[in-house]
PDB file of N, CA and C in Angstrom:
ATOM      1  N   MET A   1      11.999   7.884  -7.235  1.00  0.00           N
ATOM      2  CA  MET A   1      11.458   6.815  -6.373  1.00  0.00           C
ATOM      3  C   MET A   1      12.716   6.156  -5.737  1.00  0.00           C
ATOM      4  N   SER A   2      12.403   5.650  -4.425  1.00  0.00           N
ATOM      5  CA  SER A   2      13.409   5.169  -3.701  1.00  0.00           C
ATOM      6  C   SER A   2      13.499   3.661  -3.781  1.00  0.00           C
ATOM      7  N   ASP A   3      14.467   3.063  -2.982  1.00  0.00           N
ATOM      8  CA  ASP A   3      14.472   1.593  -2.979  1.00  0.00           C
ATOM      9  C   ASP A   3      13.448   0.919  -2.081  1.00  0.00           C
ATOM     10  N   GLY A   4      12.980   1.605  -1.152  1.00  0.00           N
ATOM     11  CA  GLY A   4      11.981   0.991  -0.209  1.00  0.00           C
ATOM     12  C   GLY A   4      10.567   1.612  -0.411  1.00  0.00           C
ATOM     13  N   PRO A   5       9.808   1.256   0.412  1.00  0.00           N
ATOM     14  CA  PRO A   5       8.337   1.675   0.306  1.00  0.00           C
ATOM     15  C   PRO A   5       8.270   3.223   0.848  1.00  0.00           C
ATOM     16  N   PHE A   6       7.449   3.937   0.131  1.00  0.00           N
ATOM     17  CA  PHE A   6       7.141   5.390   0.470  1.00  0.00           C
ATOM     18  C   PHE A   6       6.280   5.399   1.569  1.00  0.00           C
ATOM     19  N   HIS A   7       6.576   6.138   2.694  1.00  0.00           N
ATOM     20  CA  HIS A   7       5.565   6.258   3.867  1.00  0.00           C
ATOM     21  C   HIS A   7       4.748   7.456   3.659  1.00  0.00           C
ATOM     22  N   VAL A   8       3.363   7.115   3.544  1.00  0.00           N
ATOM     23  CA  VAL A   8       2.234   8.012   3.360  1.00  0.00           C
ATOM     24  C   VAL A   8       1.640   8.271   4.742  1.00  0.00           C
ATOM     25  N   THR A   9       1.137   9.433   4.960  1.00  0.00           N
ATOM     26  CA  THR A   9       0.398   9.872   6.148  1.00  0.00           C
ATOM     27  C   THR A   9      -0.911  10.554   5.932  1.00  0.00           C
ATOM     28  N   ASP A  10      -1.630  10.766   6.906  1.00  0.00           N
ATOM     29  CA  ASP A  10      -2.957  11.701   6.705  1.00  0.00           C
ATOM     30  C   ASP A  10      -2.558  12.943   5.896  1.00  0.00           C
ATOM     31  N   GLU A  11      -1.467  13.457   6.230  1.00  0.00           N
ATOM     32  CA  GLU A  11      -1.164  14.871   5.578  1.00  0.00           C
ATOM     33  C   GLU A  11      -0.745  14.747   4.242  1.00  0.00           C
ATOM     34  N   ASN A  12       0.026  13.648   3.776  1.00  0.00           N
ATOM     35  CA  ASN A  12       0.505  13.604   2.422  1.00  0.00           C
ATOM     36  C   ASN A  12      -0.267  12.604   1.580  1.00  0.00           C
ATOM     37  N   PHE A  13      -1.308  11.995   1.940  1.00  0.00           N
ATOM     38  CA  PHE A  13      -2.043  11.025   1.242  1.00  0.00           C
ATOM     39  C   PHE A  13      -2.587  11.438   0.001  1.00  0.00           C
ATOM     40  N   ASP A  14      -3.410  12.429  -0.060  1.00  0.00           N
ATOM     41  CA  ASP A  14      -4.184  12.885  -1.216  1.00  0.00           C
ATOM     42  C   ASP A  14      -3.077  13.314  -2.330  1.00  0.00           C
ATOM     43  N   GLU A  15      -2.083  14.071  -1.851  1.00  0.00           N
ATOM     44  CA  GLU A  15      -1.023  14.560  -2.738  1.00  0.00           C
ATOM     45  C   GLU A  15      -0.307  13.386  -3.475  1.00  0.00           C
ATOM     46  N   THR A  16      -0.070  12.398  -2.541  1.00  0.00           N
ATOM     47  CA  THR A  16       0.618  11.195  -3.216  1.00  0.00           C
ATOM     48  C   THR A  16      -0.194  10.628  -4.250  1.00  0.00           C
ATOM     49  N   LEU A  17      -1.365  10.360  -3.991  1.00  0.00           N
ATOM     50  CA  LEU A  17      -2.232   9.815  -4.969  1.00  0.00           C
ATOM     51  C   LEU A  17      -2.484  10.650  -6.349  1.00  0.00           C
ATOM     52  N   LYS A  18      -2.440  12.010  -6.172  1.00  0.00           N
ATOM     53  CA  LYS A  18      -2.530  12.841  -7.200  1.00  0.00           C
ATOM     54  C   LYS A  18      -1.325  12.904  -8.070  1.00  0.00           C
ATOM     55  N   ASN A  19      -0.163  12.666  -7.361  1.00  0.00           N
ATOM     56  CA  ASN A  19       1.143  12.853  -8.154  1.00  0.00           C
ATOM     57  C   ASN A  19       1.707  11.493  -8.767  1.00  0.00           C
ATOM     58  N   ASN A  20       1.016  10.393  -8.645  1.00  0.00           N
ATOM     59  CA  ASN A  20       1.485   9.062  -9.056  1.00  0.00           C
ATOM     60  C   ASN A  20       0.235   8.387  -9.632  1.00  0.00           C
ATOM     61  N   LYS A  21       0.490   7.872 -10.859  1.00  0.00           N
ATOM     62  CA  LYS A  21      -0.561   7.083 -11.508  1.00  0.00           C
ATOM     63  C   LYS A  21      -0.986   5.864 -10.874  1.00  0.00           C
ATOM     64  N   LEU A  22      -0.099   5.033 -10.392  1.00  0.00           N
ATOM     65  CA  LEU A  22      -0.440   3.759  -9.824  1.00  0.00           C
ATOM     66  C   LEU A  22       0.248   3.659  -8.364  1.00  0.00           C
ATOM     67  N   VAL A  23      -0.582   3.519  -7.265  1.00  0.00           N
ATOM     68  CA  VAL A  23      -0.073   3.595  -5.958  1.00  0.00           C
ATOM     69  C   VAL A  23      -0.593   2.334  -5.250  1.00  0.00           C
ATOM     70  N   LEU A  24       0.251   1.459  -4.640  1.00  0.00           N
ATOM     71  CA  LEU A  24      -0.120   0.583  -3.861  1.00  0.00           C
ATOM     72  C   LEU A  24       0.246   0.902  -2.297  1.00  0.00           C
ATOM     73  N   VAL A  25      -0.923   0.857  -1.443  1.00  0.00           N
ATOM     74  CA  VAL A  25      -0.799   1.309  -0.044  1.00  0.00           C
ATOM     75  C   VAL A  25      -0.979   0.025   0.825  1.00  0.00           C
ATOM     76  N   ASP A  26      -0.038  -0.170   1.644  1.00  0.00           N
ATOM     77  CA  ASP A  26      -0.044  -1.183   2.736  1.00  0.00           C
ATOM     78  C   ASP A  26      -0.413  -0.449   3.834  1.00  0.00           C
ATOM     79  N   PHE A  27      -1.729  -0.755   4.482  1.00  0.00           N
ATOM     80  CA  PHE A  27      -2.271  -0.279   5.587  1.00  0.00           C
ATOM     81  C   PHE A  27      -1.821  -1.280   6.658  1.00  0.00           C
ATOM     82  N   TRP A  28      -1.020  -0.730   7.654  1.00  0.00           N
ATOM     83  CA  TRP A  28      -0.467  -1.726   8.670  1.00  0.00           C
ATOM     84  C   TRP A  28      -0.293  -1.027   9.945  1.00  0.00           C
ATOM     85  N   ALA A  29       0.145  -1.886  10.999  1.00  0.00           N
ATOM     86  CA  ALA A  29       0.422  -1.428  12.339  1.00  0.00           C
ATOM     87  C   ALA A  29       1.498  -2.273  12.936  1.00  0.00           C
ATOM     88  N   GLY A  30       2.478  -1.635  13.790  1.00  0.00           N
ATOM     89  CA  GLY A  30       3.521  -2.370  14.293  1.00  0.00           C
ATOM     90  C   GLY A  30       3.194  -3.537  15.190  1.00  0.00           C
ATOM     91  N   TRP A  31       2.091  -3.509  15.924  1.00  0.00           N
ATOM     92  CA  TRP A  31       1.577  -4.591  16.672  1.00  0.00           C
ATOM     93  C   TRP A  31       1.098  -5.728  16.049  1.00  0.00           C
ATOM     94  N   CYS A  32       0.803  -5.700  14.682  1.00  0.00           N
ATOM     95  CA  CYS A  32       0.019  -6.671  13.969  1.00  0.00           C
ATOM     96  C   CYS A  32       1.136  -7.592  13.391  1.00  0.00           C
ATOM     97  N   GLY A  33       0.967  -8.869  13.796  1.00  0.00           N
ATOM     98  CA  GLY A  33       1.805  -9.987  13.369  1.00  0.00           C
ATOM     99  C   GLY A  33       1.772 -10.192  11.849  1.00  0.00           C
ATOM    100  N   PRO A  34       0.664 -10.330  11.176  1.00  0.00           N
ATOM    101  CA  PRO A  34       0.598 -10.479   9.779  1.00  0.00           C
ATOM    102  C   PRO A  34       1.206  -9.284   8.910  1.00  0.00           C
ATOM    103  N   CYS A  35       0.998  -8.101   9.597  1.00  0.00           N
ATOM    104  CA  CYS A  35       1.604  -6.929   9.003  1.00  0.00           C
ATOM    105  C   CYS A  35       3.157  -7.001   8.948  1.00  0.00           C
ATOM    106  N   ARG A  36       3.623  -7.409  10.129  1.00  0.00           N
ATOM    107  CA  ARG A  36       5.286  -7.524  10.181  1.00  0.00           C
ATOM    108  C   ARG A  36       5.747  -8.749   9.289  1.00  0.00           C
ATOM    109  N   ALA A  37       4.877  -9.821   9.037  1.00  0.00           N
ATOM    110  CA  ALA A  37       5.118 -10.865   8.183  1.00  0.00           C
ATOM    111  C   ALA A  37       5.176 -10.323   6.586  1.00  0.00           C
ATOM    112  N   LEU A  38       4.211  -9.454   6.359  1.00  0.00           N
ATOM    113  CA  LEU A  38       4.028  -8.886   5.066  1.00  0.00           C
ATOM    114  C   LEU A  38       5.178  -7.847   4.659  1.00  0.00           C
ATOM    115  N   ALA A  39       5.827  -7.240   5.713  1.00  0.00           N
ATOM    116  CA  ALA A  39       6.785  -6.185   5.437  1.00  0.00           C
ATOM    117  C   ALA A  39       7.889  -6.422   4.418  1.00  0.00           C
ATOM    118  N   PRO A  40       8.527  -7.617   4.676  1.00  0.00           N
ATOM    119  CA  PRO A  40       9.615  -7.931   3.561  1.00  0.00           C
ATOM    120  C   PRO A  40       9.058  -7.948   2.278  1.00  0.00           C
ATOM    121  N   THR A  41       7.947  -8.479   1.949  1.00  0.00           N
ATOM    122  CA  THR A  41       7.333  -8.556   0.724  1.00  0.00           C
ATOM    123  C   THR A  41       7.085  -7.218   0.115  1.00  0.00           C
ATOM    124  N   ILE A  42       6.621  -6.334   0.984  1.00  0.00           N
ATOM    125  CA  ILE A  42       6.301  -4.915   0.559  1.00  0.00           C
ATOM    126  C   ILE A  42       7.667  -4.172   0.172  1.00  0.00           C
ATOM    127  N   GLU A  43       8.697  -4.552   0.958  1.00  0.00           N
ATOM    128  CA  GLU A  43      10.071  -3.961   0.695  1.00  0.00           C
ATOM    129  C   GLU A  43      10.598  -4.560  -0.716  1.00  0.00           C
ATOM    130  N   GLU A  44      10.397  -5.786  -0.896  1.00  0.00           N
ATOM    131  CA  GLU A  44      10.742  -6.418  -2.265  1.00  0.00           C
ATOM    132  C   GLU A  44      10.004  -5.697  -3.452  1.00  0.00           C
ATOM    133  N   LEU A  45       8.689  -5.595  -3.295  1.00  0.00           N
ATOM    134  CA  LEU A  45       7.834  -5.016  -4.272  1.00  0.00           C
ATOM    135  C   LEU A  45       8.211  -3.560  -4.696  1.00  0.00           C
ATOM    136  N   ALA A  46       8.584  -2.832  -3.584  1.00  0.00           N
ATOM    137  CA  ALA A  46       8.969  -1.519  -3.817  1.00  0.00           C
ATOM    138  C   ALA A  46      10.303  -1.358  -4.681  1.00  0.00           C
ATOM    139  N   LYS A  47      11.142  -2.326  -4.555  1.00  0.00           N
ATOM    140  CA  LYS A  47      12.346  -2.361  -5.241  1.00  0.00           C
ATOM    141  C   LYS A  47      12.008  -2.917  -6.665  1.00  0.00           C
ATOM    142  N   ASP A  48      11.323  -3.921  -6.791  1.00  0.00           N
ATOM    143  CA  ASP A  48      10.890  -4.686  -8.062  1.00  0.00           C
ATOM    144  C   ASP A  48      10.088  -3.680  -9.047  1.00  0.00           C
ATOM    145  N   TYR A  49       9.235  -2.962  -8.411  1.00  0.00           N
ATOM    146  CA  TYR A  49       8.192  -2.121  -9.375  1.00  0.00           C
ATOM    147  C   TYR A  49       8.685  -0.695  -9.155  1.00  0.00           C
ATOM    148  N   SER A  50       9.913  -0.334  -8.832  1.00  0.00           N
ATOM    149  CA  SER A  50      10.286   1.083  -8.724  1.00  0.00           C
ATOM    150  C   SER A  50      10.225   1.652 -10.033  1.00  0.00           C
ATOM    151  N   GLY A  51       9.590   2.850 -10.210  1.00  0.00           N
ATOM    152  CA  GLY A  51       9.424   3.504 -11.480  1.00  0.00           C
ATOM    153  C   GLY A  51       8.170   3.103 -12.177  1.00  0.00           C
ATOM    154  N   LYS A  52       7.518   2.127 -11.781  1.00  0.00           N
ATOM    155  CA  LYS A  52       6.285   1.700 -12.316  1.00  0.00           C
ATOM    156  C   LYS A  52       4.989   1.893 -11.392  1.00  0.00           C
ATOM    157  N   VAL A  53       5.302   1.471 -10.202  1.00  0.00           N
ATOM    158  CA  VAL A  53       4.267   1.546  -9.153  1.00  0.00           C
ATOM    159  C   VAL A  53       4.857   2.138  -7.958  1.00  0.00           C
ATOM    160  N   LEU A  54       4.155   3.199  -7.373  1.00  0.00           N
ATOM    161  CA  LEU A  54       4.635   3.674  -6.039  1.00  0.00           C
ATOM    162  C   LEU A  54       4.000   2.790  -4.900  1.00  0.00           C
ATOM    163  N   VAL A  55       4.993   1.896  -4.381  1.00  0.00           N
ATOM    164  CA  VAL A  55       4.677   1.081  -3.240  1.00  0.00           C
ATOM    165  C   VAL A  55       4.846   1.813  -1.973  1.00  0.00           C
ATOM    166  N   SER A  56       3.865   1.887  -1.206  1.00  0.00           N
ATOM    167  CA  SER A  56       3.791   2.687   0.045  1.00  0.00           C
ATOM    168  C   SER A  56       3.288   2.061   1.220  1.00  0.00           C
ATOM    169  N   LYS A  57       3.471   2.617   2.457  1.00  0.00           N
ATOM    170  CA  LYS A  57       2.922   2.067   3.700  1.00  0.00           C
ATOM    171  C   LYS A  57       2.247   3.322   4.407  1.00  0.00           C
ATOM    172  N   LEU A  58       1.156   2.927   5.098  1.00  0.00           N
ATOM    173  CA  LEU A  58       0.440   3.806   5.911  1.00  0.00           C
ATOM    174  C   LEU A  58       0.206   3.187   7.283  1.00  0.00           C
ATOM    175  N   GLU A  59       0.887   3.638   8.320  1.00  0.00           N
ATOM    176  CA  GLU A  59       0.714   3.109   9.653  1.00  0.00           C
ATOM    177  C   GLU A  59      -0.848   3.621  10.230  1.00  0.00           C
ATOM    178  N   VAL A  60      -1.552   2.765  10.502  1.00  0.00           N
ATOM    179  CA  VAL A  60      -2.961   3.068  10.808  1.00  0.00           C
ATOM    180  C   VAL A  60      -3.256   3.728  12.060  1.00  0.00           C
ATOM    181  N   ASP A  61      -2.389   3.425  13.121  1.00  0.00           N
ATOM    182  CA  ASP A  61      -2.433   4.033  14.520  1.00  0.00           C
ATOM    183  C   ASP A  61      -2.147   5.488  14.401  1.00  0.00           C
ATOM    184  N   SER A  62      -1.176   5.807  13.569  1.00  0.00           N
ATOM    185  CA  SER A  62      -0.672   7.338  13.476  1.00  0.00           C
ATOM    186  C   SER A  62      -1.568   8.010  12.561  1.00  0.00           C
ATOM    187  N   ASN A  63      -2.150   7.316  11.684  1.00  0.00           N
ATOM    188  CA  ASN A  63      -2.929   8.050  10.499  1.00  0.00           C
ATOM    189  C   ASN A  63      -4.349   7.360  10.396  1.00  0.00           C
ATOM    190  N   PRO A  64      -5.201   7.589  11.519  1.00  0.00           N
ATOM    191  CA  PRO A  64      -6.635   7.050  11.442  1.00  0.00           C
ATOM    192  C   PRO A  64      -7.426   7.711  10.548  1.00  0.00           C
ATOM    193  N   LYS A  65      -7.305   8.879  10.202  1.00  0.00           N
ATOM    194  CA  LYS A  65      -8.245   9.629   9.216  1.00  0.00           C
ATOM    195  C   LYS A  65      -8.268   8.927   7.902  1.00  0.00           C
ATOM    196  N   THR A  66      -7.175   8.566   7.284  1.00  0.00           N
ATOM    197  CA  THR A  66      -7.094   7.973   5.964  1.00  0.00           C
ATOM    198  C   THR A  66      -7.660   6.570   6.079  1.00  0.00           C
ATOM    199  N   ALA A  67      -7.220   5.811   7.166  1.00  0.00           N
ATOM    200  CA  ALA A  67      -7.828   4.456   7.255  1.00  0.00           C
ATOM    201  C   ALA A  67      -9.187   4.419   7.433  1.00  0.00           C
ATOM    202  N   GLU A  68      -9.785   5.212   8.097  1.00  0.00           N
ATOM    203  CA  GLU A  68     -11.292   5.410   8.432  1.00  0.00           C
ATOM    204  C   GLU A  68     -11.876   5.796   6.982  1.00  0.00           C
ATOM    205  N   CYS A  69     -11.330   6.720   6.366  1.00  0.00           N
ATOM    206  CA  CYS A  69     -11.865   7.228   5.140  1.00  0.00           C
ATOM    207  C   CYS A  69     -12.133   6.033   4.062  1.00  0.00           C
ATOM    208  N   PHE A  70     -11.119   5.180   4.066  1.00  0.00           N
ATOM    209  CA  PHE A  70     -11.129   4.081   3.200  1.00  0.00           C
ATOM    210  C   PHE A  70     -11.664   2.787   3.729  1.00  0.00           C
ATOM    211  N   GLN A  71     -12.182   2.879   4.882  1.00  0.00           N
ATOM    212  CA  GLN A  71     -12.960   1.917   5.590  1.00  0.00           C
ATOM    213  C   GLN A  71     -12.018   0.582   5.681  1.00  0.00           C
ATOM    214  N   VAL A  72     -10.875   0.913   6.343  1.00  0.00           N
ATOM    215  CA  VAL A  72      -9.930  -0.184   6.450  1.00  0.00           C
ATOM    216  C   VAL A  72     -10.118  -0.768   7.998  1.00  0.00           C
ATOM    217  N   PHE A  73     -10.797  -1.838   8.057  1.00  0.00           N
ATOM    218  CA  PHE A  73     -11.283  -2.297   9.365  1.00  0.00           C
ATOM    219  C   PHE A  73     -10.304  -3.491   9.851  1.00  0.00           C
ATOM    220  N   SER A  74      -9.631  -4.094   8.837  1.00  0.00           N
ATOM    221  CA  SER A  74      -8.645  -5.253   9.103  1.00  0.00           C
ATOM    222  C   SER A  74      -7.394  -4.938   8.579  1.00  0.00           C
ATOM    223  N   ILE A  75      -6.358  -5.271   9.195  1.00  0.00           N
ATOM    224  CA  ILE A  75      -5.009  -5.133   8.732  1.00  0.00           C
ATOM    225  C   ILE A  75      -4.212  -6.467   8.641  1.00  0.00           C
ATOM    226  N   PRO A  76      -3.350  -6.620   7.812  1.00  0.00           N
ATOM    227  CA  PRO A  76      -2.970  -5.655   6.796  1.00  0.00           C
ATOM    228  C   PRO A  76      -4.047  -5.627   5.566  1.00  0.00           C
ATOM    229  N   THR A  77      -4.235  -4.446   5.086  1.00  0.00           N
ATOM    230  CA  THR A  77      -4.984  -4.292   3.828  1.00  0.00           C
ATOM    231  C   THR A  77      -4.100  -3.574   2.821  1.00  0.00           C
ATOM    232  N   LEU A  78      -4.203  -4.135   1.688  1.00  0.00           N
ATOM    233  CA  LEU A  78      -3.471  -3.450   0.489  1.00  0.00           C
ATOM    234  C   LEU A  78      -4.447  -2.939  -0.462  1.00  0.00           C
ATOM    235  N   ILE A  79      -4.397  -1.683  -0.629  1.00  0.00           N
ATOM    236  CA  ILE A  79      -5.310  -0.918  -1.806  1.00  0.00           C
ATOM    237  C   ILE A  79      -4.463  -0.506  -2.857  1.00  0.00           C
ATOM    238  N   LEU A  80      -4.838  -0.716  -4.058  1.00  0.00           N
ATOM    239  CA  LEU A  80      -4.213  -0.304  -5.346  1.00  0.00           C
ATOM    240  C   LEU A  80      -5.064   0.871  -5.856  1.00  0.00           C
ATOM    241  N   TYR A  81      -4.389   2.047  -5.997  1.00  0.00           N
ATOM    242  CA  TYR A  81      -5.123   3.233  -6.648  1.00  0.00           C
ATOM    243  C   TYR A  81      -4.538   3.426  -8.003  1.00  0.00           C
ATOM    244  N   LYS A  82      -5.330   3.800  -8.888  1.00  0.00           N
ATOM    245  CA  LYS A  82      -4.926   4.232 -10.238  1.00  0.00           C
ATOM    246  C   LYS A  82      -5.633   5.562 -10.499  1.00  0.00           C
ATOM    247  N   ASN A  83      -4.754   6.446 -10.770  1.00  0.00           N
ATOM    248  CA  ASN A  83      -5.185   8.002 -11.003  1.00  0.00           C
ATOM    249  C   ASN A  83      -6.137   8.461  -9.810  1.00  0.00           C
ATOM    250  N   GLY A  84      -5.665   8.081  -8.542  1.00  0.00           N
ATOM    251  CA  GLY A  84      -6.285   8.565  -7.374  1.00  0.00           C
ATOM    252  C   GLY A  84      -7.603   7.814  -6.996  1.00  0.00           C
ATOM    253  N   VAL A  85      -7.885   6.813  -7.696  1.00  0.00           N
ATOM    254  CA  VAL A  85      -9.210   5.952  -7.329  1.00  0.00           C
ATOM    255  C   VAL A  85      -8.812   4.635  -6.970  1.00  0.00           C
ATOM    256  N   GLU A  86      -9.472   4.124  -5.972  1.00  0.00           N
ATOM    257  CA  GLU A  86      -9.350   2.598  -5.526  1.00  0.00           C
ATOM    258  C   GLU A  86      -9.911   1.659  -6.636  1.00  0.00           C
ATOM    259  N   ILE A  87      -8.953   0.754  -7.029  1.00  0.00           N
ATOM    260  CA  ILE A  87      -9.352  -0.101  -8.133  1.00  0.00           C
ATOM    261  C   ILE A  87      -9.342  -1.530  -7.581  1.00  0.00           C
ATOM    262  N   GLU A  88      -8.470  -1.835  -6.605  1.00  0.00           N
ATOM    263  CA  GLU A  88      -8.438  -3.243  -6.018  1.00  0.00           C
ATOM    264  C   GLU A  88      -8.114  -3.175  -4.560  1.00  0.00           C
ATOM    265  N   ARG A  89      -8.421  -4.218  -3.903  1.00  0.00           N
ATOM    266  CA  ARG A  89      -8.162  -4.336  -2.504  1.00  0.00           C
ATOM    267  C   ARG A  89      -7.897  -5.782  -2.125  1.00  0.00           C
ATOM    268  N   MET A  90      -6.988  -5.946  -1.276  1.00  0.00           N
ATOM    269  CA  MET A  90      -6.650  -7.323  -0.750  1.00  0.00           C
ATOM    270  C   MET A  90      -6.509  -7.097   0.779  1.00  0.00           C
ATOM    271  N   VAL A  91      -7.078  -8.007   1.520  1.00  0.00           N
ATOM    272  CA  VAL A  91      -7.173  -8.023   2.948  1.00  0.00           C
ATOM    273  C   VAL A  91      -6.557  -9.131   3.519  1.00  0.00           C
ATOM    274  N   GLY A  92      -5.618  -9.059   4.615  1.00  0.00           N
ATOM    275  CA  GLY A  92      -4.993 -10.220   5.163  1.00  0.00           C
ATOM    276  C   GLY A  92      -3.675 -10.433   4.540  1.00  0.00           C
ATOM    277  N   LEU A  93      -2.901 -11.401   5.134  1.00  0.00           N
ATOM    278  CA  LEU A  93      -1.601 -11.647   4.682  1.00  0.00           C
ATOM    279  C   LEU A  93      -1.619 -12.385   3.290  1.00  0.00           C
ATOM    280  N   CYS A  94      -1.051 -11.790   2.293  1.00  0.00           N
ATOM    281  CA  CYS A  94      -1.127 -12.238   0.858  1.00  0.00           C
ATOM    282  C   CYS A  94       0.222 -12.662   0.458  1.00  0.00           C
ATOM    283  N   ALA A  95       0.254 -13.660  -0.503  1.00  0.00           N
ATOM    284  CA  ALA A  95       1.610 -14.148  -1.104  1.00  0.00           C
ATOM    285  C   ALA A  95       2.047 -13.083  -2.140  1.00  0.00           C
ATOM    286  N   LYS A  96       3.394 -12.902  -2.196  1.00  0.00           N
ATOM    287  CA  LYS A  96       3.931 -11.888  -3.224  1.00  0.00           C
ATOM    288  C   LYS A  96       3.427 -12.200  -4.570  1.00  0.00           C
ATOM    289  N   LYS A  97       3.293 -13.447  -4.951  1.00  0.00           N
ATOM    290  CA  LYS A  97       2.774 -13.790  -6.277  1.00  0.00           C
ATOM    291  C   LYS A  97       1.507 -13.266  -6.494  1.00  0.00           C
ATOM    292  N   SER A  98       0.580 -13.331  -5.423  1.00  0.00           N
ATOM    293  CA  SER A  98      -0.808 -12.863  -5.705  1.00  0.00           C
ATOM    294  C   SER A  98      -0.781 -11.290  -5.825  1.00  0.00           C
ATOM    295  N   ILE A  99       0.092 -10.597  -5.002  1.00  0.00           N
ATOM    296  CA  ILE A  99       0.230  -9.137  -5.192  1.00  0.00           C
ATOM    297  C   ILE A  99       0.786  -8.733  -6.414  1.00  0.00           C
ATOM    298  N   GLU A 100       1.786  -9.347  -6.949  1.00  0.00           N
ATOM    299  CA  GLU A 100       2.240  -9.114  -8.307  1.00  0.00           C
ATOM    300  C   GLU A 100       1.272  -9.348  -9.376  1.00  0.00           C
ATOM    301  N   GLY A 101       0.431 -10.369  -9.251  1.00  0.00           N
ATOM    302  CA  GLY A 101      -0.773 -10.603 -10.258  1.00  0.00           C
ATOM    303  C   GLY A 101      -1.563  -9.381 -10.293  1.00  0.00           C
ATOM    304  N   LEU A 102      -1.823  -8.792  -9.183  1.00  0.00           N
ATOM    305  CA  LEU A 102      -2.719  -7.667  -9.056  1.00  0.00           C
ATOM    306  C   LEU A 102      -2.062  -6.507  -9.680  1.00  0.00           C
ATOM    307  N   LEU A 103      -0.836  -6.219  -9.495  1.00  0.00           N
ATOM    308  CA  LEU A 103      -0.077  -5.156  -9.999  1.00  0.00           C
ATOM    309  C   LEU A 103       0.080  -5.341 -11.566  1.00  0.00           C
ATOM    310  N   GLN A 104       0.390  -6.529 -12.098  1.00  0.00           N
ATOM    311  CA  GLN A 104       0.454  -6.664 -13.446  1.00  0.00           C
ATOM    312  C   GLN A 104      -0.656  -6.500 -14.169  1.00  0.00           C
ATOM    313  N   LYS A 105      -1.828  -6.852 -13.554  1.00  0.00           N
ATOM    314  CA  LYS A 105      -3.105  -6.591 -14.290  1.00  0.00           C
ATOM    315  C   LYS A 105      -3.350  -5.183 -14.588  1.00  0.00           C
ATOM    316  N   HIS A 106      -2.749  -4.270 -13.852  1.00  0.00           N
ATOM    317  CA  HIS A 106      -3.003  -2.861 -14.101  1.00  0.00           C
ATOM    318  C   HIS A 106      -1.907  -1.895 -14.680  1.00  0.00           C
ATOM    319  N   LEU A 107      -0.801  -2.680 -14.865  1.00  0.00           N
ATOM    320  CA  LEU A 107       0.349  -1.896 -15.560  1.00  0.00           C
ATOM    321  C   LEU A 107       0.193  -1.760 -16.956  1.00  0.00           C
TER     322      LEU A 107
END
């Protein structure tokens, strides 16, 4: 695992979920102010949880298939997957403490 978030796409999404037990996906877009505000938190979480949770980002404009499949209608949306299945979802700009609470609950 790297120091920063892993970038998932429509092409590698299923494989990423299959190959990692716990995956947090940040559905975002470059034009979204709250998404840009959340980005440093996602960077920190990727470092803090390296080896425990695969923290990743999916840019929704370039990867509409996956965003549509998971009914992501508002961004930012964070979805936590365990063994390939969605188990938690947070919509909107969230505090790092809230996201960490979500992760800790499933570690």
